[in-house]
Amino acid sequence: MNEADKPLVWLHGEIKTPPFSQQARIETGVLLRRLQQGENLGLPHSRPIPSIEAHCHELRIRDAHRNWRIIYRIDDDAILILEVFNKTTRTTPTSVIDKLFHI
């Protein structure tokens, strides 16, 4: 890790195989690394979700049979991983949103 890279701070969730496939886990690692290096990701990999909080984004990982979402926030000194979940509907589940407001 370069000194200029932002550290990842995990507040909730994890990425491991299983339930992530090996390919999805590797893709997630590559995208998180790009974020650490200061790259701004856009669709189809990431989208902002200001309805949760300013600087919050949803990382989108397609797996063989799942659509993983990683809610993260970009701070000046770190990338905060707020939640990791399998998205099964078009909207973010209220249970996930409620959990985010209690972190």
PDB file of N, CA and C in Angstrom:
ATOM      1  N   MET A   1       0.845  -1.173   0.000  1.00  0.00           N
ATOM      2  CA  MET A   1       0.000   0.000   0.000  1.00  0.00           C
ATOM      3  C   MET A   1       0.891   1.237   0.000  1.00  0.00           C
ATOM      4  N   ASN A   2       0.603   2.171  -0.851  1.00  0.00           N
ATOM      5  CA  ASN A   2       1.324   3.428  -0.958  1.00  0.00           C
ATOM      6  C   ASN A   2       0.917   4.339   0.196  1.00  0.00           C
ATOM      7  N   GLU A   3       1.798   5.219   0.619  1.00  0.00           N
ATOM      8  CA  GLU A   3       1.483   6.149   1.712  1.00  0.00           C
ATOM      9  C   GLU A   3       0.295   7.048   1.378  1.00  0.00           C
ATOM     10  N   ALA A   4       0.076   7.347   0.117  1.00  0.00           N
ATOM     11  CA  ALA A   4      -1.029   8.216  -0.282  1.00  0.00           C
ATOM     12  C   ALA A   4      -2.369   7.474  -0.325  1.00  0.00           C
ATOM     13  N   ASP A   5      -2.329   6.144  -0.274  1.00  0.00           N
ATOM     14  CA  ASP A   5      -3.560   5.357  -0.333  1.00  0.00           C
ATOM     15  C   ASP A   5      -4.345   5.491   0.970  1.00  0.00           C
ATOM     16  N   LYS A   6      -5.659   5.530   0.834  1.00  0.00           N
ATOM     17  CA  LYS A   6      -6.525   5.590   2.009  1.00  0.00           C
ATOM     18  C   LYS A   6      -6.739   4.177   2.543  1.00  0.00           C
ATOM     19  N   PRO A   7      -6.694   4.007   3.850  1.00  0.00           N
ATOM     20  CA  PRO A   7      -6.968   2.681   4.406  1.00  0.00           C
ATOM     21  C   PRO A   7      -8.465   2.360   4.323  1.00  0.00           C
ATOM     22  N   LEU A   8      -8.769   1.068   4.298  1.00  0.00           N
ATOM     23  CA  LEU A   8     -10.152   0.605   4.399  1.00  0.00           C
ATOM     24  C   LEU A   8     -10.461   0.386   5.868  1.00  0.00           C
ATOM     25  N   VAL A   9     -11.576   0.927   6.327  1.00  0.00           N
ATOM     26  CA  VAL A   9     -12.007   0.742   7.708  1.00  0.00           C
ATOM     27  C   VAL A   9     -13.342   0.008   7.658  1.00  0.00           C
ATOM     28  N   TRP A  10     -13.358  -1.216   8.175  1.00  0.00           N
ATOM     29  CA  TRP A  10     -14.554  -2.061   8.132  1.00  0.00           C
ATOM     30  C   TRP A  10     -15.379  -1.826   9.387  1.00  0.00           C
ATOM     31  N   LEU A  11     -16.567  -1.251   9.210  1.00  0.00           N
ATOM     32  CA  LEU A  11     -17.474  -1.059  10.335  1.00  0.00           C
ATOM     33  C   LEU A  11     -18.465  -2.208  10.438  1.00  0.00           C
ATOM     34  N   HIS A  12     -18.772  -2.843   9.294  1.00  0.00           N
ATOM     35  CA  HIS A  12     -19.707  -3.961   9.306  1.00  0.00           C
ATOM     36  C   HIS A  12     -19.545  -4.764   8.026  1.00  0.00           C
ATOM     37  N   GLY A  13     -19.772  -6.058   8.121  1.00  0.00           N
ATOM     38  CA  GLY A  13     -19.733  -6.920   6.949  1.00  0.00           C
ATOM     39  C   GLY A  13     -18.344  -7.442   6.653  1.00  0.00           C
ATOM     40  N   GLU A  14     -18.303  -8.411   5.747  1.00  0.00           N
ATOM     41  CA  GLU A  14     -17.039  -8.987   5.323  1.00  0.00           C
ATOM     42  C   GLU A  14     -17.188  -9.549   3.921  1.00  0.00           C
ATOM     43  N   ILE A  15     -16.065  -9.768   3.276  1.00  0.00           N
ATOM     44  CA  ILE A  15     -16.047 -10.318   1.927  1.00  0.00           C
ATOM     45  C   ILE A  15     -15.185 -11.563   1.975  1.00  0.00           C
ATOM     46  N   LYS A  16     -15.825 -12.718   1.857  1.00  0.00           N
ATOM     47  CA  LYS A  16     -15.081 -13.970   1.895  1.00  0.00           C
ATOM     48  C   LYS A  16     -15.780 -14.998   1.014  1.00  0.00           C
ATOM     49  N   THR A  17     -15.050 -16.037   0.673  1.00  0.00           N
ATOM     50  CA  THR A  17     -15.587 -17.115  -0.141  1.00  0.00           C
ATOM     51  C   THR A  17     -15.729 -18.348   0.733  1.00  0.00           C
ATOM     52  N   PRO A  18     -16.934 -18.963   0.790  1.00  0.00           N
ATOM     53  CA  PRO A  18     -18.227 -18.422   0.402  1.00  0.00           C
ATOM     54  C   PRO A  18     -18.696 -17.394   1.409  1.00  0.00           C
ATOM     55  N   PRO A  19     -19.699 -16.638   1.177  1.00  0.00           N
ATOM     56  CA  PRO A  19     -20.711 -16.740   0.130  1.00  0.00           C
ATOM     57  C   PRO A  19     -20.317 -16.079  -1.191  1.00  0.00           C
ATOM     58  N   PHE A  20     -19.333 -15.165  -1.187  1.00  0.00           N
ATOM     59  CA  PHE A  20     -18.866 -14.585  -2.447  1.00  0.00           C
ATOM     60  C   PHE A  20     -18.159 -15.680  -3.248  1.00  0.00           C
ATOM     61  N   SER A  21     -18.336 -15.671  -4.560  1.00  0.00           N
ATOM     62  CA  SER A  21     -17.520 -16.565  -5.384  1.00  0.00           C
ATOM     63  C   SER A  21     -16.101 -16.002  -5.402  1.00  0.00           C
ATOM     64  N   GLN A  22     -15.160 -16.813  -5.781  1.00  0.00           N
ATOM     65  CA  GLN A  22     -13.772 -16.340  -5.849  1.00  0.00           C
ATOM     66  C   GLN A  22     -13.654 -15.181  -6.832  1.00  0.00           C
ATOM     67  N   GLN A  23     -14.325 -15.282  -7.970  1.00  0.00           N
ATOM     68  CA  GLN A  23     -14.267 -14.214  -8.978  1.00  0.00           C
ATOM     69  C   GLN A  23     -14.853 -12.910  -8.434  1.00  0.00           C
ATOM     70  N   ALA A  24     -15.983 -12.986  -7.730  1.00  0.00           N
ATOM     71  CA  ALA A  24     -16.604 -11.784  -7.167  1.00  0.00           C
ATOM     72  C   ALA A  24     -15.719 -11.179  -6.080  1.00  0.00           C
ATOM     73  N   ARG A  25     -15.087 -12.035  -5.286  1.00  0.00           N
ATOM     74  CA  ARG A  25     -14.192 -11.543  -4.233  1.00  0.00           C
ATOM     75  C   ARG A  25     -12.998 -10.809  -4.836  1.00  0.00           C
ATOM     76  N   ILE A  26     -12.444 -11.345  -5.912  1.00  0.00           N
ATOM     77  CA  ILE A  26     -11.305 -10.693  -6.579  1.00  0.00           C
ATOM     78  C   ILE A  26     -11.741  -9.365  -7.192  1.00  0.00           C
ATOM     79  N   GLU A  27     -12.902  -9.353  -7.859  1.00  0.00           N
ATOM     80  CA  GLU A  27     -13.402  -8.101  -8.447  1.00  0.00           C
ATOM     81  C   GLU A  27     -13.610  -7.053  -7.364  1.00  0.00           C
ATOM     82  N   THR A  28     -14.159  -7.463  -6.232  1.00  0.00           N
ATOM     83  CA  THR A  28     -14.371  -6.539  -5.118  1.00  0.00           C
ATOM     84  C   THR A  28     -13.043  -5.967  -4.642  1.00  0.00           C
ATOM     85  N   GLY A  29     -12.050  -6.824  -4.502  1.00  0.00           N
ATOM     86  CA  GLY A  29     -10.728  -6.364  -4.064  1.00  0.00           C
ATOM     87  C   GLY A  29     -10.123  -5.361  -5.023  1.00  0.00           C
ATOM     88  N   VAL A  30     -10.257  -5.609  -6.317  1.00  0.00           N
ATOM     89  CA  VAL A  30      -9.722  -4.683  -7.323  1.00  0.00           C
ATOM     90  C   VAL A  30     -10.430  -3.331  -7.231  1.00  0.00           C
ATOM     91  N   LEU A  31     -11.764  -3.352  -7.109  1.00  0.00           N
ATOM     92  CA  LEU A  31     -12.513  -2.088  -7.041  1.00  0.00           C
ATOM     93  C   LEU A  31     -12.206  -1.325  -5.753  1.00  0.00           C
ATOM     94  N   LEU A  32     -12.100  -2.029  -4.635  1.00  0.00           N
ATOM     95  CA  LEU A  32     -11.752  -1.353  -3.388  1.00  0.00           C
ATOM     96  C   LEU A  32     -10.347  -0.762  -3.456  1.00  0.00           C
ATOM     97  N   ARG A  33      -9.447  -1.459  -4.098  1.00  0.00           N
ATOM     98  CA  ARG A  33      -8.078  -0.944  -4.265  1.00  0.00           C
ATOM     99  C   ARG A  33      -8.084   0.337  -5.081  1.00  0.00           C
ATOM    100  N   ARG A  34      -8.887   0.360  -6.144  1.00  0.00           N
ATOM    101  CA  ARG A  34      -8.982   1.572  -6.963  1.00  0.00           C
ATOM    102  C   ARG A  34      -9.518   2.740  -6.136  1.00  0.00           C
ATOM    103  N   LEU A  35     -10.488   2.465  -5.270  1.00  0.00           N
ATOM    104  CA  LEU A  35     -11.004   3.509  -4.385  1.00  0.00           C
ATOM    105  C   LEU A  35      -9.927   4.005  -3.433  1.00  0.00           C
ATOM    106  N   GLN A  36      -9.157   3.089  -2.879  1.00  0.00           N
ATOM    107  CA  GLN A  36      -8.075   3.472  -1.967  1.00  0.00           C
ATOM    108  C   GLN A  36      -7.074   4.392  -2.642  1.00  0.00           C
ATOM    109  N   GLN A  37      -6.853   4.184  -3.924  1.00  0.00           N
ATOM    110  CA  GLN A  37      -5.887   4.988  -4.665  1.00  0.00           C
ATOM    111  C   GLN A  37      -6.473   6.315  -5.141  1.00  0.00           C
ATOM    112  N   GLY A  38      -7.720   6.596  -4.769  1.00  0.00           N
ATOM    113  CA  GLY A  38      -8.318   7.892  -5.068  1.00  0.00           C
ATOM    114  C   GLY A  38      -9.140   7.957  -6.328  1.00  0.00           C
ATOM    115  N   GLU A  39      -9.343   6.837  -6.993  1.00  0.00           N
ATOM    116  CA  GLU A  39     -10.137   6.843  -8.221  1.00  0.00           C
ATOM    117  C   GLU A  39     -11.623   6.979  -7.884  1.00  0.00           C
ATOM    118  N   ASN A  40     -12.323   7.796  -8.639  1.00  0.00           N
ATOM    119  CA  ASN A  40     -13.764   7.920  -8.486  1.00  0.00           C
ATOM    120  C   ASN A  40     -14.430   6.930  -9.429  1.00  0.00           C
ATOM    121  N   LEU A  41     -15.131   5.963  -8.865  1.00  0.00           N
ATOM    122  CA  LEU A  41     -15.812   4.961  -9.674  1.00  0.00           C
ATOM    123  C   LEU A  41     -17.220   5.420  -9.988  1.00  0.00           C
ATOM    124  N   GLY A  42     -17.661   5.142 -11.180  1.00  0.00           N
ATOM    125  CA  GLY A  42     -19.031   5.445 -11.581  1.00  0.00           C
ATOM    126  C   GLY A  42     -19.727   4.169 -12.011  1.00  0.00           C
ATOM    127  N   LEU A  43     -20.906   4.339 -12.607  1.00  0.00           N
ATOM    128  CA  LEU A  43     -21.646   3.181 -13.096  1.00  0.00           C
ATOM    129  C   LEU A  43     -20.843   2.469 -14.165  1.00  0.00           C
ATOM    130  N   PRO A  44     -20.865   1.190 -14.246  1.00  0.00           N
ATOM    131  CA  PRO A  44     -21.757   0.257 -13.560  1.00  0.00           C
ATOM    132  C   PRO A  44     -21.222  -0.232 -12.220  1.00  0.00           C
ATOM    133  N   HIS A  45     -20.047   0.208 -11.804  1.00  0.00           N
ATOM    134  CA  HIS A  45     -19.436  -0.318 -10.580  1.00  0.00           C
ATOM    135  C   HIS A  45     -19.945   0.339  -9.303  1.00  0.00           C
ATOM    136  N   SER A  46     -20.243   1.601  -9.360  1.00  0.00           N
ATOM    137  CA  SER A  46     -20.589   2.328  -8.151  1.00  0.00           C
ATOM    138  C   SER A  46     -21.554   3.458  -8.486  1.00  0.00           C
ATOM    139  N   ARG A  47     -22.382   3.778  -7.498  1.00  0.00           N
ATOM    140  CA  ARG A  47     -23.261   4.931  -7.663  1.00  0.00           C
ATOM    141  C   ARG A  47     -23.400   5.627  -6.316  1.00  0.00           C
ATOM    142  N   PRO A  48     -23.548   6.951  -6.328  1.00  0.00           N
ATOM    143  CA  PRO A  48     -23.725   7.678  -5.071  1.00  0.00           C
ATOM    144  C   PRO A  48     -25.114   7.405  -4.490  1.00  0.00           C
ATOM    145  N   ILE A  49     -25.207   7.426  -3.181  1.00  0.00           N
ATOM    146  CA  ILE A  49     -26.502   7.303  -2.503  1.00  0.00           C
ATOM    147  C   ILE A  49     -26.594   8.371  -1.409  1.00  0.00           C
ATOM    148  N   PRO A  50     -26.774   9.625  -1.828  1.00  0.00           N
ATOM    149  CA  PRO A  50     -26.822  10.726  -0.862  1.00  0.00           C
ATOM    150  C   PRO A  50     -28.024  10.656   0.071  1.00  0.00           C
ATOM    151  N   SER A  51     -29.030   9.831  -0.262  1.00  0.00           N
ATOM    152  CA  SER A  51     -30.187   9.705   0.623  1.00  0.00           C
ATOM    153  C   SER A  51     -29.796   9.076   1.959  1.00  0.00           C
ATOM    154  N   ILE A  52     -28.700   8.335   1.979  1.00  0.00           N
ATOM    155  CA  ILE A  52     -28.223   7.747   3.234  1.00  0.00           C
ATOM    156  C   ILE A  52     -27.323   8.745   3.953  1.00  0.00           C
ATOM    157  N   GLU A  53     -26.356   9.305   3.220  1.00  0.00           N
ATOM    158  CA  GLU A  53     -25.432  10.277   3.815  1.00  0.00           C
ATOM    159  C   GLU A  53     -24.560  10.854   2.702  1.00  0.00           C
ATOM    160  N   ALA A  54     -24.104  12.074   2.906  1.00  0.00           N
ATOM    161  CA  ALA A  54     -23.185  12.664   1.936  1.00  0.00           C
ATOM    162  C   ALA A  54     -21.938  11.793   1.839  1.00  0.00           C
ATOM    163  N   HIS A  55     -21.394  11.684   0.669  1.00  0.00           N
ATOM    164  CA  HIS A  55     -20.184  10.911   0.380  1.00  0.00           C
ATOM    165  C   HIS A  55     -20.388   9.396   0.467  1.00  0.00           C
ATOM    166  N   CYS A  56     -21.658   8.935   0.580  1.00  0.00           N
ATOM    167  CA  CYS A  56     -21.941   7.496   0.598  1.00  0.00           C
ATOM    168  C   CYS A  56     -22.165   7.004  -0.823  1.00  0.00           C
ATOM    169  N   HIS A  57     -21.713   5.784  -1.051  1.00  0.00           N
ATOM    170  CA  HIS A  57     -21.828   5.153  -2.360  1.00  0.00           C
ATOM    171  C   HIS A  57     -22.184   3.687  -2.187  1.00  0.00           C
ATOM    172  N   GLU A  58     -22.662   3.105  -3.284  1.00  0.00           N
ATOM    173  CA  GLU A  58     -22.987   1.692  -3.308  1.00  0.00           C
ATOM    174  C   GLU A  58     -22.118   1.020  -4.359  1.00  0.00           C
ATOM    175  N   LEU A  59     -21.223   0.153  -3.922  1.00  0.00           N
ATOM    176  CA  LEU A  59     -20.402  -0.622  -4.842  1.00  0.00           C
ATOM    177  C   LEU A  59     -21.242  -1.814  -5.288  1.00  0.00           C
ATOM    178  N   ARG A  60     -21.258  -2.073  -6.596  1.00  0.00           N
ATOM    179  CA  ARG A  60     -22.120  -3.103  -7.158  1.00  0.00           C
ATOM    180  C   ARG A  60     -21.268  -4.242  -7.720  1.00  0.00           C
ATOM    181  N   ILE A  61     -21.475  -5.434  -7.174  1.00  0.00           N
ATOM    182  CA  ILE A  61     -20.722  -6.609  -7.593  1.00  0.00           C
ATOM    183  C   ILE A  61     -21.716  -7.675  -8.050  1.00  0.00           C
ATOM    184  N   ARG A  62     -21.621  -8.038  -9.325  1.00  0.00           N
ATOM    185  CA  ARG A  62     -22.468  -9.125  -9.842  1.00  0.00           C
ATOM    186  C   ARG A  62     -21.736 -10.445  -9.647  1.00  0.00           C
ATOM    187  N   ASP A  63     -22.434 -11.374  -9.020  1.00  0.00           N
ATOM    188  CA  ASP A  63     -21.896 -12.710  -8.810  1.00  0.00           C
ATOM    189  C   ASP A  63     -22.757 -13.675  -9.623  1.00  0.00           C
ATOM    190  N   ALA A  64     -22.404 -14.934  -9.638  1.00  0.00           N
ATOM    191  CA  ALA A  64     -23.125 -15.914 -10.446  1.00  0.00           C
ATOM    192  C   ALA A  64     -24.627 -15.888 -10.169  1.00  0.00           C
ATOM    193  N   HIS A  65     -25.006 -15.899  -8.913  1.00  0.00           N
ATOM    194  CA  HIS A  65     -26.426 -15.950  -8.565  1.00  0.00           C
ATOM    195  C   HIS A  65     -26.840 -14.872  -7.565  1.00  0.00           C
ATOM    196  N   ARG A  66     -25.966 -13.900  -7.367  1.00  0.00           N
ATOM    197  CA  ARG A  66     -26.246 -12.853  -6.386  1.00  0.00           C
ATOM    198  C   ARG A  66     -25.789 -11.500  -6.900  1.00  0.00           C
ATOM    199  N   ASN A  67     -26.399 -10.473  -6.350  1.00  0.00           N
ATOM    200  CA  ASN A  67     -26.008  -9.098  -6.627  1.00  0.00           C
ATOM    201  C   ASN A  67     -25.561  -8.477  -5.305  1.00  0.00           C
ATOM    202  N   TRP A  68     -24.255  -8.475  -5.086  1.00  0.00           N
ATOM    203  CA  TRP A  68     -23.710  -7.952  -3.848  1.00  0.00           C
ATOM    204  C   TRP A  68     -23.675  -6.430  -3.879  1.00  0.00           C
ATOM    205  N   ARG A  69     -23.896  -5.836  -2.727  1.00  0.00           N
ATOM    206  CA  ARG A  69     -23.777  -4.397  -2.562  1.00  0.00           C
ATOM    207  C   ARG A  69     -22.889  -4.133  -1.351  1.00  0.00           C
ATOM    208  N   ILE A  70     -22.022  -3.158  -1.527  1.00  0.00           N
ATOM    209  CA  ILE A  70     -21.145  -2.715  -0.444  1.00  0.00           C
ATOM    210  C   ILE A  70     -21.377  -1.223  -0.287  1.00  0.00           C
ATOM    211  N   ILE A  71     -21.939  -0.836   0.835  1.00  0.00           N
ATOM    212  CA  ILE A  71     -22.179   0.575   1.111  1.00  0.00           C
ATOM    213  C   ILE A  71     -20.897   1.123   1.745  1.00  0.00           C
ATOM    214  N   TYR A  72     -20.359   2.175   1.141  1.00  0.00           N
ATOM    215  CA  TYR A  72     -19.118   2.755   1.656  1.00  0.00           C
ATOM    216  C   TYR A  72     -19.205   4.267   1.642  1.00  0.00           C
ATOM    217  N   ARG A  73     -18.379   4.874   2.473  1.00  0.00           N
ATOM    218  CA  ARG A  73     -18.299   6.334   2.531  1.00  0.00           C
ATOM    219  C   ARG A  73     -16.846   6.730   2.337  1.00  0.00           C
ATOM    220  N   ILE A  74     -16.650   7.754   1.524  1.00  0.00           N
ATOM    221  CA  ILE A  74     -15.305   8.267   1.276  1.00  0.00           C
ATOM    222  C   ILE A  74     -15.058   9.447   2.208  1.00  0.00           C
ATOM    223  N   ASP A  75     -14.127   9.265   3.119  1.00  0.00           N
ATOM    224  CA  ASP A  75     -13.704  10.343   4.011  1.00  0.00           C
ATOM    225  C   ASP A  75     -12.352  10.849   3.554  1.00  0.00           C
ATOM    226  N   ASP A  76     -11.899  11.951   4.123  1.00  0.00           N
ATOM    227  CA  ASP A  76     -10.602  12.508   3.748  1.00  0.00           C
ATOM    228  C   ASP A  76      -9.456  11.557   4.044  1.00  0.00           C
ATOM    229  N   ASP A  77      -9.595  10.772   5.117  1.00  0.00           N
ATOM    230  CA  ASP A  77      -8.479   9.942   5.554  1.00  0.00           C
ATOM    231  C   ASP A  77      -8.704   8.435   5.409  1.00  0.00           C
ATOM    232  N   ALA A  78      -9.894   8.000   4.960  1.00  0.00           N
ATOM    233  CA  ALA A  78     -10.161   6.562   4.866  1.00  0.00           C
ATOM    234  C   ALA A  78     -11.392   6.294   4.012  1.00  0.00           C
ATOM    235  N   ILE A  79     -11.519   5.035   3.603  1.00  0.00           N
ATOM    236  CA  ILE A  79     -12.736   4.532   2.969  1.00  0.00           C
ATOM    237  C   ILE A  79     -13.427   3.684   4.030  1.00  0.00           C
ATOM    238  N   LEU A  80     -14.625   4.084   4.452  1.00  0.00           N
ATOM    239  CA  LEU A  80     -15.353   3.348   5.473  1.00  0.00           C
ATOM    240  C   LEU A  80     -16.309   2.360   4.818  1.00  0.00           C
ATOM    241  N   ILE A  81     -16.183   1.092   5.157  1.00  0.00           N
ATOM    242  CA  ILE A  81     -17.107   0.066   4.679  1.00  0.00           C
ATOM    243  C   ILE A  81     -18.211  -0.029   5.725  1.00  0.00           C
ATOM    244  N   LEU A  82     -19.415   0.380   5.321  1.00  0.00           N
ATOM    245  CA  LEU A  82     -20.526   0.465   6.263  1.00  0.00           C
ATOM    246  C   LEU A  82     -21.381  -0.796   6.290  1.00  0.00           C
ATOM    247  N   GLU A  83     -21.521  -1.460   5.140  1.00  0.00           N
ATOM    248  CA  GLU A  83     -22.380  -2.644   5.078  1.00  0.00           C
ATOM    249  C   GLU A  83     -22.089  -3.444   3.826  1.00  0.00           C
ATOM    250  N   VAL A  84     -22.253  -4.749   3.924  1.00  0.00           N
ATOM    251  CA  VAL A  84     -22.116  -5.673   2.799  1.00  0.00           C
ATOM    252  C   VAL A  84     -23.359  -6.553   2.812  1.00  0.00           C
ATOM    253  N   PHE A  85     -24.069  -6.622   1.687  1.00  0.00           N
ATOM    254  CA  PHE A  85     -25.272  -7.448   1.655  1.00  0.00           C
ATOM    255  C   PHE A  85     -25.587  -7.894   0.233  1.00  0.00           C
ATOM    256  N   ASN A  86     -26.421  -8.918   0.142  1.00  0.00           N
ATOM    257  CA  ASN A  86     -26.913  -9.433  -1.125  1.00  0.00           C
ATOM    258  C   ASN A  86     -28.221  -8.713  -1.437  1.00  0.00           C
ATOM    259  N   LYS A  87     -28.250  -7.962  -2.500  1.00  0.00           N
ATOM    260  CA  LYS A  87     -29.440  -7.190  -2.856  1.00  0.00           C
ATOM    261  C   LYS A  87     -30.379  -8.071  -3.671  1.00  0.00           C
ATOM    262  N   THR A  88     -31.591  -8.242  -3.176  1.00  0.00           N
ATOM    263  CA  THR A  88     -32.563  -9.114  -3.833  1.00  0.00           C
ATOM    264  C   THR A  88     -33.747  -8.364  -4.416  1.00  0.00           C
ATOM    265  N   THR A  89     -33.845  -7.059  -4.146  1.00  0.00           N
ATOM    266  CA  THR A  89     -34.940  -6.238  -4.670  1.00  0.00           C
ATOM    267  C   THR A  89     -34.362  -4.994  -5.332  1.00  0.00           C
ATOM    268  N   ARG A  90     -35.228  -4.218  -5.983  1.00  0.00           N
ATOM    269  CA  ARG A  90     -34.767  -3.005  -6.660  1.00  0.00           C
ATOM    270  C   ARG A  90     -34.333  -1.917  -5.682  1.00  0.00           C
ATOM    271  N   THR A  91     -34.872  -1.936  -4.485  1.00  0.00           N
ATOM    272  CA  THR A  91     -34.535  -0.906  -3.500  1.00  0.00           C
ATOM    273  C   THR A  91     -33.659  -1.504  -2.400  1.00  0.00           C
ATOM    274  N   THR A  92     -32.944  -0.629  -1.730  1.00  0.00           N
ATOM    275  CA  THR A  92     -32.137  -1.068  -0.594  1.00  0.00           C
ATOM    276  C   THR A  92     -33.083  -1.408   0.556  1.00  0.00           C
ATOM    277  N   PRO A  93     -32.946  -2.590   1.140  1.00  0.00           N
ATOM    278  CA  PRO A  93     -33.850  -2.989   2.231  1.00  0.00           C
ATOM    279  C   PRO A  93     -33.826  -1.994   3.387  1.00  0.00           C
ATOM    280  N   THR A  94     -34.980  -1.764   3.978  1.00  0.00           N
ATOM    281  CA  THR A  94     -35.063  -0.823   5.098  1.00  0.00           C
ATOM    282  C   THR A  94     -34.227  -1.303   6.276  1.00  0.00           C
ATOM    283  N   SER A  95     -34.080  -2.617   6.437  1.00  0.00           N
ATOM    284  CA  SER A  95     -33.252  -3.127   7.542  1.00  0.00           C
ATOM    285  C   SER A  95     -31.794  -2.682   7.385  1.00  0.00           C
ATOM    286  N   VAL A  96     -31.314  -2.614   6.138  1.00  0.00           N
ATOM    287  CA  VAL A  96     -29.949  -2.150   5.877  1.00  0.00           C
ATOM    288  C   VAL A  96     -29.842  -0.650   6.166  1.00  0.00           C
ATOM    289  N   ILE A  97     -30.800   0.104   5.692  1.00  0.00           N
ATOM    290  CA  ILE A  97     -30.806   1.556   5.916  1.00  0.00           C
ATOM    291  C   ILE A  97     -30.866   1.865   7.402  1.00  0.00           C
ATOM    292  N   ASP A  98     -31.752   1.159   8.128  1.00  0.00           N
ATOM    293  CA  ASP A  98     -31.863   1.370   9.576  1.00  0.00           C
ATOM    294  C   ASP A  98     -30.546   1.074  10.277  1.00  0.00           C
ATOM    295  N   LYS A  99     -29.879   0.003   9.865  1.00  0.00           N
ATOM    296  CA  LYS A  99     -28.595  -0.370  10.468  1.00  0.00           C
ATOM    297  C   LYS A  99     -27.551   0.718  10.220  1.00  0.00           C
ATOM    298  N   LEU A 100     -27.571   1.328   9.020  1.00  0.00           N
ATOM    299  CA  LEU A 100     -26.594   2.357   8.682  1.00  0.00           C
ATOM    300  C   LEU A 100     -26.751   3.590   9.555  1.00  0.00           C
ATOM    301  N   PHE A 101     -27.970   3.918   9.916  1.00  0.00           N
ATOM    302  CA  PHE A 101     -28.194   5.093  10.743  1.00  0.00           C
ATOM    303  C   PHE A 101     -27.816   4.863  12.206  1.00  0.00           C
ATOM    304  N   HIS A 102     -27.518   3.615  12.559  1.00  0.00           N
ATOM    305  CA  HIS A 102     -27.116   3.311  13.933  1.00  0.00           C
ATOM    306  C   HIS A 102     -25.626   2.995  14.061  1.00  0.00           C
ATOM    307  N   ILE A 103     -24.878   3.208  12.993  1.00  0.00           N
ATOM    308  CA  ILE A 103     -23.430   2.955  13.045  1.00  0.00           C
ATOM    309  C   ILE A 103     -22.755   4.170  13.633  1.00  0.00           C
TER     310      ILE A 103
END
